[in-house]
Protein backbone atom coordinates (compact mmCIF):
# COMPACT_ATOMS: atom_id res chain seq x y z
CA MET A 1 33.30 14.09 -29.48
CA LYS A 2 36.22 15.75 -30.81
CA ASN A 3 34.60 16.75 -34.25
CA CYS A 4 30.95 17.16 -33.26
CA GLN A 5 28.33 16.18 -35.80
CA GLU A 6 25.48 18.06 -36.93
CA ASN A 7 22.84 18.39 -33.92
CA GLU A 8 25.02 15.96 -32.07
CA LYS A 9 24.79 18.33 -28.97
CA GLU A 10 21.00 18.63 -28.96
CA LEU A 11 20.51 14.99 -29.53
CA ILE A 12 22.50 14.22 -26.45
CA GLU A 13 20.79 16.65 -24.42
CA GLU A 14 17.18 15.19 -25.61
CA PHE A 15 18.54 11.80 -24.68
CA TRP A 16 19.34 12.89 -21.00
CA ASP A 17 16.24 14.93 -20.70
CA ARG A 18 14.12 11.72 -21.78
CA GLU A 19 16.10 9.64 -19.13
CA ILE A 20 15.74 12.20 -16.41
CA LEU A 21 12.00 12.06 -17.21
CA LYS A 22 12.02 8.31 -17.09
CA CYS A 23 13.82 8.04 -13.80
CA GLU A 24 11.42 10.81 -12.28
CA PHE A 25 8.43 8.38 -13.44
CA VAL A 26 10.03 5.51 -11.67
CA LEU A 27 10.43 7.46 -8.57
CA LYS A 28 6.91 8.74 -8.66
CA GLN A 29 5.57 5.42 -9.47
CA ARG A 30 7.68 3.70 -6.49
CA GLU A 31 6.19 6.24 -3.98
CA GLN A 32 2.66 5.58 -5.34
CA LYS A 33 2.97 1.74 -5.16
CA LYS A 34 4.49 2.25 -1.42
CA GLU A 35 1.52 4.49 -0.20
CA ASP A 36 -0.88 1.99 -2.02
CA TYR A 37 0.86 -0.97 -0.14
CA THR A 38 0.91 0.87 3.26
CA ALA A 39 -3.14 1.80 2.67
CA ILE A 40 -3.79 -1.92 2.10
CA LYS A 41 -1.74 -3.06 4.96
CA LEU A 42 -3.61 -0.74 7.40
CA GLU A 43 -6.94 -1.82 5.61
CA ASP A 44 -6.07 -5.40 6.27
CA GLU A 45 -5.04 -4.67 9.93
CA LYS A 46 -8.29 -3.09 10.73
CA LYS A 47 -10.36 -5.70 9.22
CA LYS A 48 -8.39 -8.02 11.66
CA ALA A 49 -8.58 -6.16 14.30
CA LEU A 50 -12.61 -5.84 13.43
CA ALA A 51 -12.86 -9.63 13.39
CA GLU A 52 -11.05 -10.10 16.56
CA ALA A 53 -13.27 -7.83 18.16
CA ALA A 54 -16.40 -9.58 16.78
CA LYS A 55 -15.24 -12.87 17.96
CA ASP A 56 -14.70 -11.42 21.59
CA VAL A 57 -18.13 -10.21 21.50
CA SER A 58 -19.44 -13.49 20.12
CA GLU A 59 -17.88 -15.36 22.59
CA GLU A 60 -18.75 -12.99 25.45
CA GLN A 61 -22.49 -13.40 24.11
CA LEU A 62 -22.11 -17.12 24.06
CA GLU A 63 -20.91 -17.01 27.81
CA ALA A 64 -23.72 -14.87 28.56
CA LYS A 65 -26.13 -17.50 27.23
CA GLU A 66 -24.67 -20.00 28.96
CA LEU A 67 -24.79 -18.45 32.01
CA GLU A 68 -28.46 -17.65 31.69
CA GLU A 69 -29.33 -21.34 30.75
CA GLU A 70 -27.38 -22.37 33.93
CA GLU A 71 -29.54 -20.14 36.16
CA LEU A 72 -32.83 -21.32 34.59
CA TYR A 73 -31.96 -24.90 35.58
């Protein structure tokens, strides 16, 4: 760069500006993917908890039904 060519400085600045924009985009994309992953993980945990609760309720209902049947006999 001892002897700058025509528009060399402007071209280099434009290049770095584009690179900075790319880096910012990648960072934003990573943050969004992390948020999406966290939301999906939370939703899965909620579904598992609801399924477990439903399982517990159904087991309790079966036990109550068995007790009722035993009382009838």
